[in-house]
PDB file of N, CA and C in Angstrom:
ATOM      1  N   MET A   1      -7.700  10.877  -2.150  1.00  0.00           N
ATOM      2  CA  MET A   1      -7.197  11.893  -3.031  1.00  0.00           C
ATOM      3  C   MET A   1      -8.106  11.982  -4.250  1.00  0.00           C
ATOM      4  N   LYS A   2      -8.141  13.146  -4.868  1.00  0.00           N
ATOM      5  CA  LYS A   2      -8.915  13.361  -6.087  1.00  0.00           C
ATOM      6  C   LYS A   2      -7.976  13.351  -7.285  1.00  0.00           C
ATOM      7  N   VAL A   3      -8.426  12.689  -8.368  1.00  0.00           N
ATOM      8  CA  VAL A   3      -7.661  12.629  -9.606  1.00  0.00           C
ATOM      9  C   VAL A   3      -8.599  12.994 -10.740  1.00  0.00           C
ATOM     10  N   ASN A   4      -8.188  13.925 -11.599  1.00  0.00           N
ATOM     11  CA  ASN A   4      -8.998  14.335 -12.741  1.00  0.00           C
ATOM     12  C   ASN A   4      -8.240  13.973 -14.020  1.00  0.00           C
ATOM     13  N   VAL A   5      -8.871  13.176 -14.891  1.00  0.00           N
ATOM     14  CA  VAL A   5      -8.220  12.766 -16.136  1.00  0.00           C
ATOM     15  C   VAL A   5      -9.061  13.194 -17.333  1.00  0.00           C
ATOM     16  N   THR A   6      -8.400  13.423 -18.467  1.00  0.00           N
ATOM     17  CA  THR A   6      -9.096  13.869 -19.663  1.00  0.00           C
ATOM     18  C   THR A   6      -9.380  12.741 -20.647  1.00  0.00           C
ATOM     19  N   GLU A   7      -8.660  11.626 -20.522  1.00  0.00           N
ATOM     20  CA  GLU A   7      -8.902  10.471 -21.385  1.00  0.00           C
ATOM     21  C   GLU A   7      -8.699   9.191 -20.571  1.00  0.00           C
ATOM     22  N   THR A   8      -9.301   8.107 -21.008  1.00  0.00           N
ATOM     23  CA  THR A   8      -9.189   6.849 -20.284  1.00  0.00           C
ATOM     24  C   THR A   8      -7.722   6.440 -20.154  1.00  0.00           C
ATOM     25  N   THR A   9      -7.338   6.122 -18.942  1.00  0.00           N
ATOM     26  CA  THR A   9      -5.958   5.753 -18.662  1.00  0.00           C
ATOM     27  C   THR A   9      -5.908   4.772 -17.494  1.00  0.00           C
ATOM     28  N   THR A  10      -4.835   4.024 -17.411  1.00  0.00           N
ATOM     29  CA  THR A  10      -4.596   3.140 -16.272  1.00  0.00           C
ATOM     30  C   THR A  10      -3.416   3.673 -15.482  1.00  0.00           C
ATOM     31  N   LYS A  11      -3.609   3.878 -14.200  1.00  0.00           N
ATOM     32  CA  LYS A  11      -2.539   4.315 -13.304  1.00  0.00           C
ATOM     33  C   LYS A  11      -2.242   3.186 -12.339  1.00  0.00           C
ATOM     34  N   THR A  12      -0.985   3.012 -12.018  1.00  0.00           N
ATOM     35  CA  THR A  12      -0.558   1.922 -11.157  1.00  0.00           C
ATOM     36  C   THR A  12       0.120   2.452  -9.898  1.00  0.00           C
ATOM     37  N   LEU A  13      -0.357   1.983  -8.755  1.00  0.00           N
ATOM     38  CA  LEU A  13       0.329   2.207  -7.490  1.00  0.00           C
ATOM     39  C   LEU A  13       1.187   0.979  -7.225  1.00  0.00           C
ATOM     40  N   TYR A  14       2.399   1.188  -6.780  1.00  0.00           N
ATOM     41  CA  TYR A  14       3.284   0.089  -6.435  1.00  0.00           C
ATOM     42  C   TYR A  14       3.354   0.004  -4.921  1.00  0.00           C
ATOM     43  N   LEU A  15       2.836  -1.079  -4.366  1.00  0.00           N
ATOM     44  CA  LEU A  15       2.854  -1.299  -2.931  1.00  0.00           C
ATOM     45  C   LEU A  15       4.179  -1.943  -2.562  1.00  0.00           C
ATOM     46  N   GLY A  16       5.027  -1.173  -1.870  1.00  0.00           N
ATOM     47  CA  GLY A  16       6.341  -1.679  -1.502  1.00  0.00           C
ATOM     48  C   GLY A  16       6.270  -2.697  -0.385  1.00  0.00           C
ATOM     49  N   ALA A  17       5.558  -2.364   0.688  1.00  0.00           N
ATOM     50  CA  ALA A  17       5.440  -3.274   1.828  1.00  0.00           C
ATOM     51  C   ALA A  17       4.328  -2.778   2.735  1.00  0.00           C
ATOM     52  N   VAL A  18       3.743  -3.698   3.482  1.00  0.00           N
ATOM     53  CA  VAL A  18       2.689  -3.313   4.424  1.00  0.00           C
ATOM     54  C   VAL A  18       2.778  -4.166   5.684  1.00  0.00           C
ATOM     55  N   ASP A  19       2.495  -3.517   6.809  1.00  0.00           N
ATOM     56  CA  ASP A  19       2.399  -4.198   8.086  1.00  0.00           C
ATOM     57  C   ASP A  19       0.989  -3.907   8.606  1.00  0.00           C
ATOM     58  N   ASN A  20       0.263  -4.897   8.981  1.00  0.00           N
ATOM     59  CA  ASN A  20      -1.141  -4.869   9.365  1.00  0.00           C
ATOM     60  C   ASN A  20      -2.011  -5.010   8.124  1.00  0.00           C
ATOM     61  N   ARG A  21      -2.805  -4.006   7.725  1.00  0.00           N
ATOM     62  CA  ARG A  21      -3.775  -4.219   6.654  1.00  0.00           C
ATOM     63  C   ARG A  21      -3.989  -2.937   5.852  1.00  0.00           C
ATOM     64  N   VAL A  22      -4.134  -3.086   4.519  1.00  0.00           N
ATOM     65  CA  VAL A  22      -4.430  -1.945   3.665  1.00  0.00           C
ATOM     66  C   VAL A  22      -5.381  -2.382   2.551  1.00  0.00           C
ATOM     67  N   ASP A  23      -6.341  -1.509   2.216  1.00  0.00           N
ATOM     68  CA  ASP A  23      -7.302  -1.720   1.134  1.00  0.00           C
ATOM     69  C   ASP A  23      -7.293  -0.497   0.230  1.00  0.00           C
ATOM     70  N   PHE A  24      -7.631  -0.698  -1.054  1.00  0.00           N
ATOM     71  CA  PHE A  24      -7.661   0.386  -2.032  1.00  0.00           C
ATOM     72  C   PHE A  24      -9.048   0.481  -2.668  1.00  0.00           C
ATOM     73  N   PHE A  25      -9.559   1.713  -2.813  1.00  0.00           N
ATOM     74  CA  PHE A  25     -10.886   1.953  -3.358  1.00  0.00           C
ATOM     75  C   PHE A  25     -10.813   3.022  -4.453  1.00  0.00           C
ATOM     76  N   LEU A  26     -11.661   2.876  -5.470  1.00  0.00           N
ATOM     77  CA  LEU A  26     -11.814   3.874  -6.529  1.00  0.00           C
ATOM     78  C   LEU A  26     -13.281   4.235  -6.602  1.00  0.00           C
ATOM     79  N   ASP A  27     -13.586   5.508  -6.351  1.00  0.00           N
ATOM     80  CA  ASP A  27     -14.968   6.003  -6.365  1.00  0.00           C
ATOM     81  C   ASP A  27     -15.887   5.159  -5.489  1.00  0.00           C
ATOM     82  N   GLY A  28     -15.378   4.738  -4.327  1.00  0.00           N
ATOM     83  CA  GLY A  28     -16.166   3.969  -3.379  1.00  0.00           C
ATOM     84  C   GLY A  28     -16.227   2.476  -3.645  1.00  0.00           C
ATOM     85  N   ASN A  29     -15.613   2.027  -4.748  1.00  0.00           N
ATOM     86  CA  ASN A  29     -15.611   0.598  -5.094  1.00  0.00           C
ATOM     87  C   ASN A  29     -14.269  -0.026  -4.734  1.00  0.00           C
ATOM     88  N   HIS A  30     -14.323  -1.178  -4.098  1.00  0.00           N
ATOM     89  CA  HIS A  30     -13.112  -1.884  -3.678  1.00  0.00           C
ATOM     90  C   HIS A  30     -12.315  -2.326  -4.906  1.00  0.00           C
ATOM     91  N   VAL A  31     -11.035  -1.965  -4.965  1.00  0.00           N
ATOM     92  CA  VAL A  31     -10.178  -2.294  -6.105  1.00  0.00           C
ATOM     93  C   VAL A  31      -9.205  -3.411  -5.763  1.00  0.00           C
ATOM     94  N   SER A  32      -8.590  -3.342  -4.585  1.00  0.00           N
ATOM     95  CA  SER A  32      -7.546  -4.295  -4.255  1.00  0.00           C
ATOM     96  C   SER A  32      -7.400  -4.436  -2.748  1.00  0.00           C
ATOM     97  N   GLY A  33      -6.943  -5.616  -2.325  1.00  0.00           N
ATOM     98  CA  GLY A  33      -6.717  -5.869  -0.915  1.00  0.00           C
ATOM     99  C   GLY A  33      -7.799  -6.783  -0.374  1.00  0.00           C
ATOM    100  N   PRO A  34      -7.818  -7.066   0.893  1.00  0.00           N
ATOM    101  CA  PRO A  34      -6.864  -6.504   1.844  1.00  0.00           C
ATOM    102  C   PRO A  34      -5.496  -7.164   1.732  1.00  0.00           C
ATOM    103  N   TRP A  35      -4.470  -6.330   1.789  1.00  0.00           N
ATOM    104  CA  TRP A  35      -3.109  -6.828   1.849  1.00  0.00           C
ATOM    105  C   TRP A  35      -2.674  -6.714   3.292  1.00  0.00           C
ATOM    106  N   GLY A  36      -1.932  -7.710   3.760  1.00  0.00           N
ATOM    107  CA  GLY A  36      -1.600  -7.739   5.174  1.00  0.00           C
ATOM    108  C   GLY A  36      -0.133  -7.910   5.463  1.00  0.00           C
ATOM    109  N   VAL A  37       0.145  -8.208   6.708  1.00  0.00           N
ATOM    110  CA  VAL A  37       1.498  -8.286   7.246  1.00  0.00           C
ATOM    111  C   VAL A  37       2.417  -9.115   6.346  1.00  0.00           C
ATOM    112  N   GLY A  38       3.547  -8.532   6.015  1.00  0.00           N
ATOM    113  CA  GLY A  38       4.574  -9.247   5.270  1.00  0.00           C
ATOM    114  C   GLY A  38       4.405  -9.244   3.756  1.00  0.00           C
ATOM    115  N   GLN A  39       3.264  -8.731   3.241  1.00  0.00           N
ATOM    116  CA  GLN A  39       3.082  -8.732   1.785  1.00  0.00           C
ATOM    117  C   GLN A  39       3.833  -7.554   1.183  1.00  0.00           C
ATOM    118  N   GLN A  40       4.507  -7.811   0.061  1.00  0.00           N
ATOM    119  CA  GLN A  40       5.371  -6.812  -0.556  1.00  0.00           C
ATOM    120  C   GLN A  40       5.284  -6.882  -2.067  1.00  0.00           C
ATOM    121  N   HIS A  41       5.702  -5.793  -2.709  1.00  0.00           N
ATOM    122  CA  HIS A  41       5.903  -5.724  -4.156  1.00  0.00           C
ATOM    123  C   HIS A  41       4.628  -6.107  -4.933  1.00  0.00           C
ATOM    124  N   ILE A  42       3.568  -5.337  -4.739  1.00  0.00           N
ATOM    125  CA  ILE A  42       2.277  -5.587  -5.381  1.00  0.00           C
ATOM    126  C   ILE A  42       1.897  -4.360  -6.195  1.00  0.00           C
ATOM    127  N   ASN A  43       1.439  -4.560  -7.436  1.00  0.00           N
ATOM    128  CA  ASN A  43       0.941  -3.469  -8.264  1.00  0.00           C
ATOM    129  C   ASN A  43      -0.571  -3.391  -8.129  1.00  0.00           C
ATOM    130  N   ILE A  44      -1.096  -2.185  -7.913  1.00  0.00           N
ATOM    131  CA  ILE A  44      -2.532  -1.958  -7.836  1.00  0.00           C
ATOM    132  C   ILE A  44      -2.894  -1.045  -8.994  1.00  0.00           C
ATOM    133  N   ASN A  45      -3.714  -1.545  -9.932  1.00  0.00           N
ATOM    134  CA  ASN A  45      -4.074  -0.786 -11.126  1.00  0.00           C
ATOM    135  C   ASN A  45      -5.432  -0.115 -10.967  1.00  0.00           C
ATOM    136  N   PHE A  46      -5.491   1.154 -11.332  1.00  0.00           N
ATOM    137  CA  PHE A  46      -6.727   1.920 -11.354  1.00  0.00           C
ATOM    138  C   PHE A  46      -7.020   2.305 -12.801  1.00  0.00           C
ATOM    139  N   VAL A  47      -8.139   1.826 -13.356  1.00  0.00           N
ATOM    140  CA  VAL A  47      -8.557   2.196 -14.709  1.00  0.00           C
ATOM    141  C   VAL A  47      -9.473   3.406 -14.569  1.00  0.00           C
ATOM    142  N   LEU A  48      -9.026   4.541 -15.100  1.00  0.00           N
ATOM    143  CA  LEU A  48      -9.731   5.811 -14.928  1.00  0.00           C
ATOM    144  C   LEU A  48     -10.349   6.272 -16.238  1.00  0.00           C
ATOM    145  N   SER A  49     -11.645   6.480 -16.247  1.00  0.00           N
ATOM    146  CA  SER A  49     -12.344   7.062 -17.388  1.00  0.00           C
ATOM    147  C   SER A  49     -12.256   8.590 -17.265  1.00  0.00           C
ATOM    148  N   PRO A  50     -12.570   9.329 -18.333  1.00  0.00           N
ATOM    149  CA  PRO A  50     -12.508  10.790 -18.250  1.00  0.00           C
ATOM    150  C   PRO A  50     -13.387  11.328 -17.121  1.00  0.00           C
ATOM    151  N   GLY A  51     -12.867  12.317 -16.391  1.00  0.00           N
ATOM    152  CA  GLY A  51     -13.600  12.940 -15.293  1.00  0.00           C
ATOM    153  C   GLY A  51     -12.817  12.879 -13.998  1.00  0.00           C
ATOM    154  N   GLU A  52     -13.488  13.288 -12.916  1.00  0.00           N
ATOM    155  CA  GLU A  52     -12.860  13.311 -11.602  1.00  0.00           C
ATOM    156  C   GLU A  52     -13.150  12.015 -10.847  1.00  0.00           C
ATOM    157  N   HIS A  53     -12.124  11.494 -10.185  1.00  0.00           N
ATOM    158  CA  HIS A  53     -12.247  10.249  -9.435  1.00  0.00           C
ATOM    159  C   HIS A  53     -11.679  10.427  -8.038  1.00  0.00           C
ATOM    160  N   THR A  54     -12.173   9.612  -7.111  1.00  0.00           N
ATOM    161  CA  THR A  54     -11.663   9.602  -5.751  1.00  0.00           C
ATOM    162  C   THR A  54     -10.961   8.281  -5.494  1.00  0.00           C
ATOM    163  N   ILE A  55      -9.696   8.355  -5.121  1.00  0.00           N
ATOM    164  CA  ILE A  55      -8.919   7.170  -4.759  1.00  0.00           C
ATOM    165  C   ILE A  55      -8.704   7.208  -3.253  1.00  0.00           C
ATOM    166  N   GLN A  56      -9.053   6.096  -2.601  1.00  0.00           N
ATOM    167  CA  GLN A  56      -8.884   5.999  -1.153  1.00  0.00           C
ATOM    168  C   GLN A  56      -7.934   4.853  -0.822  1.00  0.00           C
ATOM    169  N   ILE A  57      -7.027   5.126   0.083  1.00  0.00           N
ATOM    170  CA  ILE A  57      -6.124   4.119   0.611  1.00  0.00           C
ATOM    171  C   ILE A  57      -6.450   4.015   2.097  1.00  0.00           C
ATOM    172  N   ILE A  58      -7.033   2.907   2.487  1.00  0.00           N
ATOM    173  CA  ILE A  58      -7.469   2.712   3.865  1.00  0.00           C
ATOM    174  C   ILE A  58      -6.458   1.811   4.561  1.00  0.00           C
ATOM    175  N   TYR A  59      -5.770   2.372   5.532  1.00  0.00           N
ATOM    176  CA  TYR A  59      -4.706   1.661   6.238  1.00  0.00           C
ATOM    177  C   TYR A  59      -5.114   1.443   7.678  1.00  0.00           C
ATOM    178  N   ASN A  60      -5.133   0.212   8.123  1.00  0.00           N
ATOM    179  CA  ASN A  60      -5.499  -0.147   9.485  1.00  0.00           C
ATOM    180  C   ASN A  60      -4.234  -0.505  10.258  1.00  0.00           C
ATOM    181  N   SER A  61      -3.803   0.388  11.109  1.00  0.00           N
ATOM    182  CA  SER A  61      -2.625   0.151  11.934  1.00  0.00           C
ATOM    183  C   SER A  61      -3.070  -0.168  13.354  1.00  0.00           C
ATOM    184  N   GLN A  62      -2.530  -1.234  13.906  1.00  0.00           N
ATOM    185  CA  GLN A  62      -2.927  -1.656  15.246  1.00  0.00           C
ATOM    186  C   GLN A  62      -1.848  -1.353  16.274  1.00  0.00           C
ATOM    187  N   GLY A  63      -1.019  -0.382  16.011  1.00  0.00           N
ATOM    188  CA  GLY A  63       0.032  -0.011  16.951  1.00  0.00           C
ATOM    189  C   GLY A  63       1.324  -0.755  16.688  1.00  0.00           C
ATOM    190  N   GLY A  64       2.375  -0.332  17.344  1.00  0.00           N
ATOM    191  CA  GLY A  64       3.667  -0.977  17.166  1.00  0.00           C
ATOM    192  C   GLY A  64       4.475  -0.315  16.067  1.00  0.00           C
ATOM    193  N   ALA A  65       5.490  -1.016  15.642  1.00  0.00           N
ATOM    194  CA  ALA A  65       6.388  -0.489  14.602  1.00  0.00           C
ATOM    195  C   ALA A  65       5.819  -0.800  13.223  1.00  0.00           C
ATOM    196  N   ASP A  66       4.801  -0.046  12.807  1.00  0.00           N
ATOM    197  CA  ASP A  66       4.090  -0.302  11.553  1.00  0.00           C
ATOM    198  C   ASP A  66       4.637   0.573  10.436  1.00  0.00           C
ATOM    199  N   TYR A  67       4.452   0.100   9.209  1.00  0.00           N
ATOM    200  CA  TYR A  67       4.847   0.917   8.071  1.00  0.00           C
ATOM    201  C   TYR A  67       4.026   0.550   6.838  1.00  0.00           C
ATOM    202  N   LEU A  68       3.907   1.498   5.948  1.00  0.00           N
ATOM    203  CA  LEU A  68       3.242   1.317   4.662  1.00  0.00           C
ATOM    204  C   LEU A  68       4.043   2.103   3.644  1.00  0.00           C
ATOM    205  N   SER A  69       4.484   1.446   2.571  1.00  0.00           N
ATOM    206  CA  SER A  69       5.257   2.108   1.529  1.00  0.00           C
ATOM    207  C   SER A  69       4.541   1.963   0.201  1.00  0.00           C
ATOM    208  N   ILE A  70       4.141   3.090  -0.397  1.00  0.00           N
ATOM    209  CA  ILE A  70       3.483   3.095  -1.700  1.00  0.00           C
ATOM    210  C   ILE A  70       4.264   4.047  -2.598  1.00  0.00           C
ATOM    211  N   TYR A  71       4.562   3.592  -3.823  1.00  0.00           N
ATOM    212  CA  TYR A  71       5.342   4.401  -4.763  1.00  0.00           C
ATOM    213  C   TYR A  71       4.551   4.596  -6.041  1.00  0.00           C
ATOM    214  N   SER A  72       4.377   5.827  -6.474  1.00  0.00           N
ATOM    215  CA  SER A  72       3.732   6.099  -7.754  1.00  0.00           C
ATOM    216  C   SER A  72       3.646   7.595  -7.987  1.00  0.00           C
ATOM    217  N   ASP A  73       3.181   7.946  -9.164  1.00  0.00           N
ATOM    218  CA  ASP A  73       2.889   9.337  -9.493  1.00  0.00           C
ATOM    219  C   ASP A  73       1.557   9.325 -10.246  1.00  0.00           C
ATOM    220  N   LEU A  74       0.479   9.554  -9.525  1.00  0.00           N
ATOM    221  CA  LEU A  74      -0.840   9.537 -10.166  1.00  0.00           C
ATOM    222  C   LEU A  74      -1.103  10.809 -10.947  1.00  0.00           C
ATOM    223  N   ALA A  75      -0.436  11.899 -10.600  1.00  0.00           N
ATOM    224  CA  ALA A  75      -0.690  13.168 -11.273  1.00  0.00           C
ATOM    225  C   ALA A  75      -0.079  13.202 -12.668  1.00  0.00           C
ATOM    226  N   GLY A  76       1.090  12.605 -12.816  1.00  0.00           N
ATOM    227  CA  GLY A  76       1.762  12.571 -14.107  1.00  0.00           C
ATOM    228  C   GLY A  76       1.868  11.145 -14.598  1.00  0.00           C
ATOM    229  N   ASN A  77       2.952  10.840 -15.259  1.00  0.00           N
ATOM    230  CA  ASN A  77       3.146   9.457 -15.727  1.00  0.00           C
ATOM    231  C   ASN A  77       4.346   8.843 -15.045  1.00  0.00           C
TER     232      ASN A  77
END
């Protein structure tokens, strides 16, 4: 996803739960993870300087009853 900010700010994604593996990237740089099976309730902070940024959430699902829950609002507060 693309995020455009006008002033330096920190945005937090709240990782509710993950099955298999998930990694988080900001502008191509690894920020957090890998988080794997059974890990829950993790905050992932993105420090954003003014300008446009790309946030990537890379989820590796290997089949089965998998789930990924992320809670946040990056567009607002």
